[in-house]
């Protein structure tokens, strides 16, 4: 039952697979180009995900994940309007990256421009063989505005993003995996199954541990070493003090917990 879910436009479809919410872009006739209504709805969904969900799989209907910004909405904007339009994308994608649930993106076909910005906001990325990555804004007299300049260099380094923007270089799925854009590389047609496998495993973790990984770990990495170590100690103390952690450790010690590799 898909209860307690914000209203979604026709450009988004929500399905349930156990404790995983599967949110799919649904504009295949436009290669899942992202219009403003879709961006706003994505932000609202991740601000208030369904209560039954413990992980989210972000996928797309059709052969392409997303070809980026819907050029039909690339209207004349003055600097102020352009600024706030960019900030609207930032707010929506921040709710993915800094929400309450781990998010796994399934990447197929075009993962371009704003589509790559959306994928970079997820916590894990599964790419099928068909996936390709590009940031064509530089070739069009534009600059990225949906968070790519922050998130993509964290994954691939500023030098690779510089190359992609200056030259229009397109990375294949294999090149994306080598560069760091892709966590799991699978054959065509296997992306959703792999993402659901990962989501099921992640949903079985302690909720506080998942929250710590997606919230505390990025901040620890960016902090000065001593600050990071202090944050780690605080987070470790909070996690191990939870009733769920105590029950899981007791189950493990009694031979009932999951072993490494299971």
C-alpha atoms as a PDB file:
ATOM      1  CA  UNK A   1       0.000   0.000   0.000  1.00  0.00           C
ATOM      2  CA  UNK A   2       1.469   3.354  -1.077  1.00  0.00           C
ATOM      3  CA  UNK A   3       0.137   5.436   1.802  1.00  0.00           C
ATOM      4  CA  UNK A   4       1.315   8.755   3.162  1.00  0.00           C
ATOM      5  CA  UNK A   5       2.908   9.786  -0.122  1.00  0.00           C
ATOM      6  CA  UNK A   6       2.976  13.291  -1.535  1.00  0.00           C
ATOM      7  CA  UNK A   7       1.048  13.780  -4.761  1.00  0.00           C
ATOM      8  CA  UNK A   8       3.261  13.096  -7.771  1.00  0.00           C
ATOM      9  CA  UNK A   9       2.967  14.499 -11.299  1.00  0.00           C
ATOM     10  CA  UNK A  10       2.649  12.190 -14.302  1.00  0.00           C
ATOM     11  CA  UNK A  11       6.411  12.581 -14.838  1.00  0.00           C
ATOM     12  CA  UNK A  12       7.089  10.421 -11.762  1.00  0.00           C
ATOM     13  CA  UNK A  13       5.935   6.911 -10.866  1.00  0.00           C
ATOM     14  CA  UNK A  14       6.202   5.358  -7.405  1.00  0.00           C
ATOM     15  CA  UNK A  15       6.271   1.620  -6.780  1.00  0.00           C
ATOM     16  CA  UNK A  16       6.986  -0.463  -3.706  1.00  0.00           C
ATOM     17  CA  UNK A  17       9.343  -3.421  -3.443  1.00  0.00           C
ATOM     18  CA  UNK A  18       9.405  -4.625   0.143  1.00  0.00           C
ATOM     19  CA  UNK A  19      10.917  -1.821   2.201  1.00  0.00           C
ATOM     20  CA  UNK A  20      12.314  -0.076  -0.878  1.00  0.00           C
ATOM     21  CA  UNK A  21      10.510   2.770  -2.613  1.00  0.00           C
ATOM     22  CA  UNK A  22      11.130   2.773  -6.371  1.00  0.00           C
ATOM     23  CA  UNK A  23      10.754   6.284  -7.792  1.00  0.00           C
ATOM     24  CA  UNK A  24      10.925   6.393 -11.594  1.00  0.00           C
ATOM     25  CA  UNK A  25      11.249   9.296 -13.985  1.00  0.00           C
ATOM     26  CA  UNK A  26       8.429   8.917 -16.503  1.00  0.00           C
ATOM     27  CA  UNK A  27       9.038  11.116 -19.536  1.00  0.00           C
ATOM     28  CA  UNK A  28      10.563   8.550 -21.920  1.00  0.00           C
ATOM     29  CA  UNK A  29       9.387  10.471 -24.990  1.00  0.00           C
ATOM     30  CA  UNK A  30      11.685  13.313 -23.877  1.00  0.00           C
ATOM     31  CA  UNK A  31      14.531  11.044 -22.729  1.00  0.00           C
ATOM     32  CA  UNK A  32      13.349  11.869 -19.196  1.00  0.00           C
ATOM     33  CA  UNK A  33      14.354  15.506 -19.474  1.00  0.00           C
ATOM     34  CA  UNK A  34      13.797  17.307 -16.183  1.00  0.00           C
ATOM     35  CA  UNK A  35      11.207  20.074 -16.101  1.00  0.00           C
ATOM     36  CA  UNK A  36      10.564  22.302 -13.097  1.00  0.00           C
ATOM     37  CA  UNK A  37       7.447  20.412 -12.007  1.00  0.00           C
ATOM     38  CA  UNK A  38       9.442  17.187 -11.832  1.00  0.00           C
ATOM     39  CA  UNK A  39      12.288  18.779  -9.901  1.00  0.00           C
ATOM     40  CA  UNK A  40       9.910  20.290  -7.348  1.00  0.00           C
ATOM     41  CA  UNK A  41       8.081  16.970  -6.941  1.00  0.00           C
ATOM     42  CA  UNK A  42      11.351  15.078  -6.449  1.00  0.00           C
ATOM     43  CA  UNK A  43      12.273  17.507  -3.670  1.00  0.00           C
ATOM     44  CA  UNK A  44       8.876  17.134  -2.019  1.00  0.00           C
ATOM     45  CA  UNK A  45       9.022  13.335  -2.207  1.00  0.00           C
ATOM     46  CA  UNK A  46      12.423  13.132  -0.529  1.00  0.00           C
ATOM     47  CA  UNK A  47      11.366  15.676   2.088  1.00  0.00           C
ATOM     48  CA  UNK A  48       8.470  13.394   3.030  1.00  0.00           C
ATOM     49  CA  UNK A  49       9.201   9.833   1.879  1.00  0.00           C
ATOM     50  CA  UNK A  50       6.648   7.094   2.652  1.00  0.00           C
ATOM     51  CA  UNK A  51       6.801   5.821   6.209  1.00  0.00           C
ATOM     52  CA  UNK A  52       7.313   2.207   5.100  1.00  0.00           C
ATOM     53  CA  UNK A  53      10.437   2.958   3.052  1.00  0.00           C
ATOM     54  CA  UNK A  54      13.934   2.286   4.405  1.00  0.00           C
ATOM     55  CA  UNK A  55      15.724   2.878   1.102  1.00  0.00           C
ATOM     56  CA  UNK A  56      14.911   4.433  -2.268  1.00  0.00           C
ATOM     57  CA  UNK A  57      15.751   3.244  -5.775  1.00  0.00           C
ATOM     58  CA  UNK A  58      15.775   6.089  -8.296  1.00  0.00           C
ATOM     59  CA  UNK A  59      15.252   4.796 -11.838  1.00  0.00           C
ATOM     60  CA  UNK A  60      13.650   5.771 -15.127  1.00  0.00           C
ATOM     61  CA  UNK A  61      11.093   4.493 -17.621  1.00  0.00           C
ATOM     62  CA  UNK A  62      12.549   3.916 -21.083  1.00  0.00           C
ATOM     63  CA  UNK A  63      16.110   3.562 -22.346  1.00  0.00           C
ATOM     64  CA  UNK A  64      17.514   6.788 -20.849  1.00  0.00           C
ATOM     65  CA  UNK A  65      17.929   7.844 -17.224  1.00  0.00           C
ATOM     66  CA  UNK A  66      17.820  11.563 -18.035  1.00  0.00           C
ATOM     67  CA  UNK A  67      19.085  13.794 -20.809  1.00  0.00           C
ATOM     68  CA  UNK A  68      19.126  16.739 -18.399  1.00  0.00           C
ATOM     69  CA  UNK A  69      17.253  20.012 -18.311  1.00  0.00           C
ATOM     70  CA  UNK A  70      14.135  20.151 -20.483  1.00  0.00           C
ATOM     71  CA  UNK A  71      15.273  22.699 -23.069  1.00  0.00           C
ATOM     72  CA  UNK A  72      11.650  23.696 -23.526  1.00  0.00           C
ATOM     73  CA  UNK A  73      11.983  25.421 -20.161  1.00  0.00           C
ATOM     74  CA  UNK A  74      15.237  27.176 -21.012  1.00  0.00           C
ATOM     75  CA  UNK A  75      13.520  30.545 -21.218  1.00  0.00           C
ATOM     76  CA  UNK A  76      15.008  34.008 -21.061  1.00  0.00           C
ATOM     77  CA  UNK A  77      15.901  34.685 -17.453  1.00  0.00           C
ATOM     78  CA  UNK A  78      17.657  37.633 -15.927  1.00  0.00           C
ATOM     79  CA  UNK A  79      20.463  36.996 -13.449  1.00  0.00           C
ATOM     80  CA  UNK A  80      18.136  37.029 -10.436  1.00  0.00           C
ATOM     81  CA  UNK A  81      15.670  34.560 -11.966  1.00  0.00           C
ATOM     82  CA  UNK A  82      18.535  32.326 -13.085  1.00  0.00           C
ATOM     83  CA  UNK A  83      20.015  32.369  -9.589  1.00  0.00           C
ATOM     84  CA  UNK A  84      16.788  31.284  -7.908  1.00  0.00           C
ATOM     85  CA  UNK A  85      16.096  28.662 -10.574  1.00  0.00           C
ATOM     86  CA  UNK A  86      19.484  27.092  -9.835  1.00  0.00           C
ATOM     87  CA  UNK A  87      18.826  27.268  -6.103  1.00  0.00           C
ATOM     88  CA  UNK A  88      15.522  25.441  -6.606  1.00  0.00           C
ATOM     89  CA  UNK A  89      17.437  22.520  -8.148  1.00  0.00           C
ATOM     90  CA  UNK A  90      19.967  22.683  -5.307  1.00  0.00           C
ATOM     91  CA  UNK A  91      17.224  22.455  -2.696  1.00  0.00           C
ATOM     92  CA  UNK A  92      15.550  19.472  -4.375  1.00  0.00           C
ATOM     93  CA  UNK A  93      18.765  17.505  -4.833  1.00  0.00           C
ATOM     94  CA  UNK A  94      19.944  18.333  -1.303  1.00  0.00           C
ATOM     95  CA  UNK A  95      16.851  16.510  -0.037  1.00  0.00           C
ATOM     96  CA  UNK A  96      18.084  13.404  -1.858  1.00  0.00           C
ATOM     97  CA  UNK A  97      21.660  13.622  -0.622  1.00  0.00           C
ATOM     98  CA  UNK A  98      20.807  14.778   2.907  1.00  0.00           C
ATOM     99  CA  UNK A  99      17.461  13.083   3.404  1.00  0.00           C
ATOM    100  CA  UNK A 100      16.627  10.310   5.818  1.00  0.00           C
ATOM    101  CA  UNK A 101      17.023   7.365   3.426  1.00  0.00           C
ATOM    102  CA  UNK A 102      19.878   5.869   1.385  1.00  0.00           C
ATOM    103  CA  UNK A 103      19.256   6.362  -2.348  1.00  0.00           C
ATOM    104  CA  UNK A 104      20.469   4.109  -5.167  1.00  0.00           C
ATOM    105  CA  UNK A 105      20.275   5.403  -8.754  1.00  0.00           C
ATOM    106  CA  UNK A 106      19.880   3.048 -11.720  1.00  0.00           C
ATOM    107  CA  UNK A 107      21.654   4.596 -14.706  1.00  0.00           C
ATOM    108  CA  UNK A 108      20.846   3.700 -18.298  1.00  0.00           C
ATOM    109  CA  UNK A 109      21.422   5.470 -21.603  1.00  0.00           C
ATOM    110  CA  UNK A 110      21.852   9.221 -21.324  1.00  0.00           C
ATOM    111  CA  UNK A 111      23.010  10.486 -17.920  1.00  0.00           C
ATOM    112  CA  UNK A 112      23.690  13.971 -19.172  1.00  0.00           C
ATOM    113  CA  UNK A 113      23.790  17.493 -17.720  1.00  0.00           C
ATOM    114  CA  UNK A 114      21.064  17.771 -15.110  1.00  0.00           C
ATOM    115  CA  UNK A 115      20.608  14.012 -15.302  1.00  0.00           C
ATOM    116  CA  UNK A 116      24.173  13.549 -14.085  1.00  0.00           C
ATOM    117  CA  UNK A 117      23.545  16.155 -11.386  1.00  0.00           C
ATOM    118  CA  UNK A 118      20.532  14.135 -10.222  1.00  0.00           C
ATOM    119  CA  UNK A 119      22.520  10.880 -10.257  1.00  0.00           C
ATOM    120  CA  UNK A 120      25.386  12.482  -8.327  1.00  0.00           C
ATOM    121  CA  UNK A 121      22.995  13.370  -5.499  1.00  0.00           C
ATOM    122  CA  UNK A 122      22.289   9.659  -4.894  1.00  0.00           C
ATOM    123  CA  UNK A 123      24.424   7.689  -2.450  1.00  0.00           C
ATOM    124  CA  UNK A 124      25.110   4.729  -4.756  1.00  0.00           C
ATOM    125  CA  UNK A 125      24.973   4.409  -8.551  1.00  0.00           C
ATOM    126  CA  UNK A 126      24.370   1.262 -10.571  1.00  0.00           C
ATOM    127  CA  UNK A 127      25.146   1.700 -14.277  1.00  0.00           C
ATOM    128  CA  UNK A 128      24.101  -0.567 -17.105  1.00  0.00           C
ATOM    129  CA  UNK A 129      26.306  -1.025 -20.161  1.00  0.00           C
ATOM    130  CA  UNK A 130      24.184   1.460 -22.133  1.00  0.00           C
ATOM    131  CA  UNK A 131      24.872   4.349 -19.744  1.00  0.00           C
ATOM    132  CA  UNK A 132      26.955   7.306 -20.863  1.00  0.00           C
ATOM    133  CA  UNK A 133      27.878  10.480 -19.008  1.00  0.00           C
ATOM    134  CA  UNK A 134      28.369  14.037 -20.226  1.00  0.00           C
ATOM    135  CA  UNK A 135      28.240  17.671 -19.128  1.00  0.00           C
ATOM    136  CA  UNK A 136      27.485  19.541 -22.373  1.00  0.00           C
ATOM    137  CA  UNK A 137      26.789  22.899 -20.746  1.00  0.00           C
ATOM    138  CA  UNK A 138      30.235  24.216 -21.635  1.00  0.00           C
ATOM    139  CA  UNK A 139      29.588  23.533 -25.319  1.00  0.00           C
ATOM    140  CA  UNK A 140      26.326  25.480 -25.155  1.00  0.00           C
ATOM    141  CA  UNK A 141      27.600  28.648 -23.557  1.00  0.00           C
ATOM    142  CA  UNK A 142      26.212  27.620 -20.170  1.00  0.00           C
ATOM    143  CA  UNK A 143      27.521  26.575 -16.770  1.00  0.00           C
ATOM    144  CA  UNK A 144      26.188  23.797 -14.572  1.00  0.00           C
ATOM    145  CA  UNK A 145      23.514  24.909 -12.126  1.00  0.00           C
ATOM    146  CA  UNK A 146      22.135  21.820 -10.427  1.00  0.00           C
ATOM    147  CA  UNK A 147      25.011  21.023  -8.087  1.00  0.00           C
ATOM    148  CA  UNK A 148      27.460  19.357 -10.482  1.00  0.00           C
ATOM    149  CA  UNK A 149      30.355  21.670  -9.613  1.00  0.00           C
ATOM    150  CA  UNK A 150      30.178  20.426  -6.007  1.00  0.00           C
ATOM    151  CA  UNK A 151      29.127  16.772  -6.307  1.00  0.00           C
ATOM    152  CA  UNK A 152      30.779  15.559  -9.511  1.00  0.00           C
ATOM    153  CA  UNK A 153      34.347  16.619  -8.535  1.00  0.00           C
ATOM    154  CA  UNK A 154      33.908  14.763  -5.250  1.00  0.00           C
ATOM    155  CA  UNK A 155      33.352  11.622  -7.299  1.00  0.00           C
ATOM    156  CA  UNK A 156      35.789  12.040 -10.199  1.00  0.00           C
ATOM    157  CA  UNK A 157      38.046  14.970  -9.319  1.00  0.00           C
ATOM    158  CA  UNK A 158      37.978  18.526 -10.645  1.00  0.00           C
ATOM    159  CA  UNK A 159      40.388  17.633 -13.465  1.00  0.00           C
ATOM    160  CA  UNK A 160      37.991  15.104 -15.016  1.00  0.00           C
ATOM    161  CA  UNK A 161      35.025  17.442 -14.727  1.00  0.00           C
ATOM    162  CA  UNK A 162      37.118  20.194 -16.323  1.00  0.00           C
ATOM    163  CA  UNK A 163      37.811  17.881 -19.250  1.00  0.00           C
ATOM    164  CA  UNK A 164      34.136  16.975 -19.629  1.00  0.00           C
ATOM    165  CA  UNK A 165      33.019  20.607 -19.628  1.00  0.00           C
ATOM    166  CA  UNK A 166      35.780  22.072 -21.794  1.00  0.00           C
ATOM    167  CA  UNK A 167      35.781  19.388 -24.464  1.00  0.00           C
ATOM    168  CA  UNK A 168      32.311  17.853 -24.259  1.00  0.00           C
ATOM    169  CA  UNK A 169      33.909  14.472 -23.569  1.00  0.00           C
ATOM    170  CA  UNK A 170      31.431  11.634 -23.141  1.00  0.00           C
ATOM    171  CA  UNK A 171      32.281   8.821 -20.714  1.00  0.00           C
ATOM    172  CA  UNK A 172      31.055   5.293 -21.314  1.00  0.00           C
ATOM    173  CA  UNK A 173      29.722   3.152 -18.471  1.00  0.00           C
ATOM    174  CA  UNK A 174      33.123   1.507 -18.093  1.00  0.00           C
ATOM    175  CA  UNK A 175      34.934   4.856 -18.145  1.00  0.00           C
ATOM    176  CA  UNK A 176      32.449   6.195 -15.593  1.00  0.00           C
ATOM    177  CA  UNK A 177      33.180   3.233 -13.333  1.00  0.00           C
ATOM    178  CA  UNK A 178      36.938   3.783 -13.581  1.00  0.00           C
ATOM    179  CA  UNK A 179      36.492   7.520 -12.947  1.00  0.00           C
ATOM    180  CA  UNK A 180      34.363   6.971  -9.829  1.00  0.00           C
ATOM    181  CA  UNK A 181      30.907   7.898 -11.091  1.00  0.00           C
ATOM    182  CA  UNK A 182      29.691   4.310 -10.865  1.00  0.00           C
ATOM    183  CA  UNK A 183      29.666   2.003  -7.836  1.00  0.00           C
ATOM    184  CA  UNK A 184      28.282  -1.062  -9.640  1.00  0.00           C
ATOM    185  CA  UNK A 185      28.559  -1.808 -13.360  1.00  0.00           C
ATOM    186  CA  UNK A 186      26.068  -4.378 -14.699  1.00  0.00           C
ATOM    187  CA  UNK A 187      24.821  -5.693 -18.033  1.00  0.00           C
ATOM    188  CA  UNK A 188      21.897  -4.083 -19.825  1.00  0.00           C
ATOM    189  CA  UNK A 189      18.594  -4.968 -18.199  1.00  0.00           C
ATOM    190  CA  UNK A 190      20.156  -5.881 -14.842  1.00  0.00           C
ATOM    191  CA  UNK A 191      20.346  -2.456 -13.204  1.00  0.00           C
ATOM    192  CA  UNK A 192      17.010  -2.408 -11.414  1.00  0.00           C
ATOM    193  CA  UNK A 193      17.433  -5.929 -10.039  1.00  0.00           C
ATOM    194  CA  UNK A 194      20.892  -5.044  -8.719  1.00  0.00           C
ATOM    195  CA  UNK A 195      19.624  -1.818  -7.159  1.00  0.00           C
ATOM    196  CA  UNK A 196      16.751  -3.654  -5.468  1.00  0.00           C
ATOM    197  CA  UNK A 197      19.205  -6.258  -4.153  1.00  0.00           C
ATOM    198  CA  UNK A 198      21.305  -3.461  -2.667  1.00  0.00           C
ATOM    199  CA  UNK A 199      18.240  -1.643  -1.317  1.00  0.00           C
ATOM    200  CA  UNK A 200      17.007  -4.798   0.398  1.00  0.00           C
ATOM    201  CA  UNK A 201      20.388  -5.301   2.046  1.00  0.00           C
ATOM    202  CA  UNK A 202      20.599  -1.644   3.095  1.00  0.00           C
ATOM    203  CA  UNK A 203      17.039  -1.699   4.459  1.00  0.00           C
ATOM    204  CA  UNK A 204      18.137  -4.528   6.752  1.00  0.00           C
ATOM    205  CA  UNK A 205      20.699  -2.284   8.442  1.00  0.00           C
ATOM    206  CA  UNK A 206      20.002  -0.307  11.578  1.00  0.00           C
ATOM    207  CA  UNK A 207      18.243   2.924  10.682  1.00  0.00           C
ATOM    208  CA  UNK A 208      20.624   4.944  12.855  1.00  0.00           C
ATOM    209  CA  UNK A 209      23.648   3.377  11.150  1.00  0.00           C
ATOM    210  CA  UNK A 210      22.267   4.200   7.702  1.00  0.00           C
ATOM    211  CA  UNK A 211      21.598   7.749   8.842  1.00  0.00           C
ATOM    212  CA  UNK A 212      25.118   8.069  10.209  1.00  0.00           C
ATOM    213  CA  UNK A 213      26.647   6.834   6.959  1.00  0.00           C
ATOM    214  CA  UNK A 214      24.761   9.292   4.748  1.00  0.00           C
ATOM    215  CA  UNK A 215      24.915  12.258   7.139  1.00  0.00           C
ATOM    216  CA  UNK A 216      27.904  11.964   9.467  1.00  0.00           C
ATOM    217  CA  UNK A 217      30.423  10.309   7.144  1.00  0.00           C
ATOM    218  CA  UNK A 218      30.449  13.085   4.493  1.00  0.00           C
ATOM    219  CA  UNK A 219      30.931  15.714   7.200  1.00  0.00           C
ATOM    220  CA  UNK A 220      33.696  13.729   8.867  1.00  0.00           C
ATOM    221  CA  UNK A 221      35.527  13.425   5.546  1.00  0.00           C
ATOM    222  CA  UNK A 222      35.331  17.192   4.975  1.00  0.00           C
ATOM    223  CA  UNK A 223      36.341  18.125   8.530  1.00  0.00           C
ATOM    224  CA  UNK A 224      39.826  18.697   9.914  1.00  0.00           C
ATOM    225  CA  UNK A 225      41.216  15.350  11.163  1.00  0.00           C
ATOM    226  CA  UNK A 226      40.779  16.012  14.883  1.00  0.00           C
ATOM    227  CA  UNK A 227      37.280  17.373  14.349  1.00  0.00           C
ATOM    228  CA  UNK A 228      36.463  14.350  12.204  1.00  0.00           C
ATOM    229  CA  UNK A 229      37.682  11.958  14.871  1.00  0.00           C
ATOM    230  CA  UNK A 230      35.582  13.721  17.496  1.00  0.00           C
ATOM    231  CA  UNK A 231      32.498  13.489  15.275  1.00  0.00           C
ATOM    232  CA  UNK A 232      33.239   9.810  14.691  1.00  0.00           C
ATOM    233  CA  UNK A 233      33.377   9.147  18.445  1.00  0.00           C
ATOM    234  CA  UNK A 234      30.111  10.989  19.018  1.00  0.00           C
ATOM    235  CA  UNK A 235      28.353   9.117  16.220  1.00  0.00           C
ATOM    236  CA  UNK A 236      29.739   5.765  17.365  1.00  0.00           C
ATOM    237  CA  UNK A 237      28.470   6.418  20.890  1.00  0.00           C
ATOM    238  CA  UNK A 238      24.999   7.359  19.644  1.00  0.00           C
ATOM    239  CA  UNK A 239      24.745   4.335  17.333  1.00  0.00           C
ATOM    240  CA  UNK A 240      25.898   1.736  19.850  1.00  0.00           C
ATOM    241  CA  UNK A 241      23.608   3.095  22.561  1.00  0.00           C
ATOM    242  CA  UNK A 242      20.446   2.429  20.559  1.00  0.00           C
ATOM    243  CA  UNK A 243      18.228  -0.465  21.609  1.00  0.00           C
ATOM    244  CA  UNK A 244      18.354  -1.840  18.086  1.00  0.00           C
ATOM    245  CA  UNK A 245      22.171  -1.962  18.142  1.00  0.00           C
ATOM    246  CA  UNK A 246      22.123  -3.839  21.443  1.00  0.00           C
ATOM    247  CA  UNK A 247      19.605  -6.366  20.113  1.00  0.00           C
ATOM    248  CA  UNK A 248      21.611  -6.869  16.917  1.00  0.00           C
ATOM    249  CA  UNK A 249      24.881  -7.398  18.778  1.00  0.00           C
ATOM    250  CA  UNK A 250      23.241  -9.914  21.122  1.00  0.00           C
ATOM    251  CA  UNK A 251      21.789 -11.768  18.150  1.00  0.00           C
ATOM    252  CA  UNK A 252      25.187 -11.811  16.454  1.00  0.00           C
ATOM    253  CA  UNK A 253      26.954 -13.081  19.577  1.00  0.00           C
ATOM    254  CA  UNK A 254      24.319 -15.788  19.912  1.00  0.00           C
ATOM    255  CA  UNK A 255      24.849 -16.865  16.307  1.00  0.00           C
ATOM    256  CA  UNK A 256      21.644 -15.374  14.897  1.00  0.00           C
ATOM    257  CA  UNK A 257      23.042 -12.282  13.182  1.00  0.00           C
ATOM    258  CA  UNK A 258      24.184 -11.829   9.605  1.00  0.00           C
ATOM    259  CA  UNK A 259      27.783 -12.838   8.987  1.00  0.00           C
ATOM    260  CA  UNK A 260      30.121 -10.917   6.676  1.00  0.00           C
ATOM    261  CA  UNK A 261      29.454 -12.003   3.103  1.00  0.00           C
ATOM    262  CA  UNK A 262      25.923 -13.244   3.729  1.00  0.00           C
END
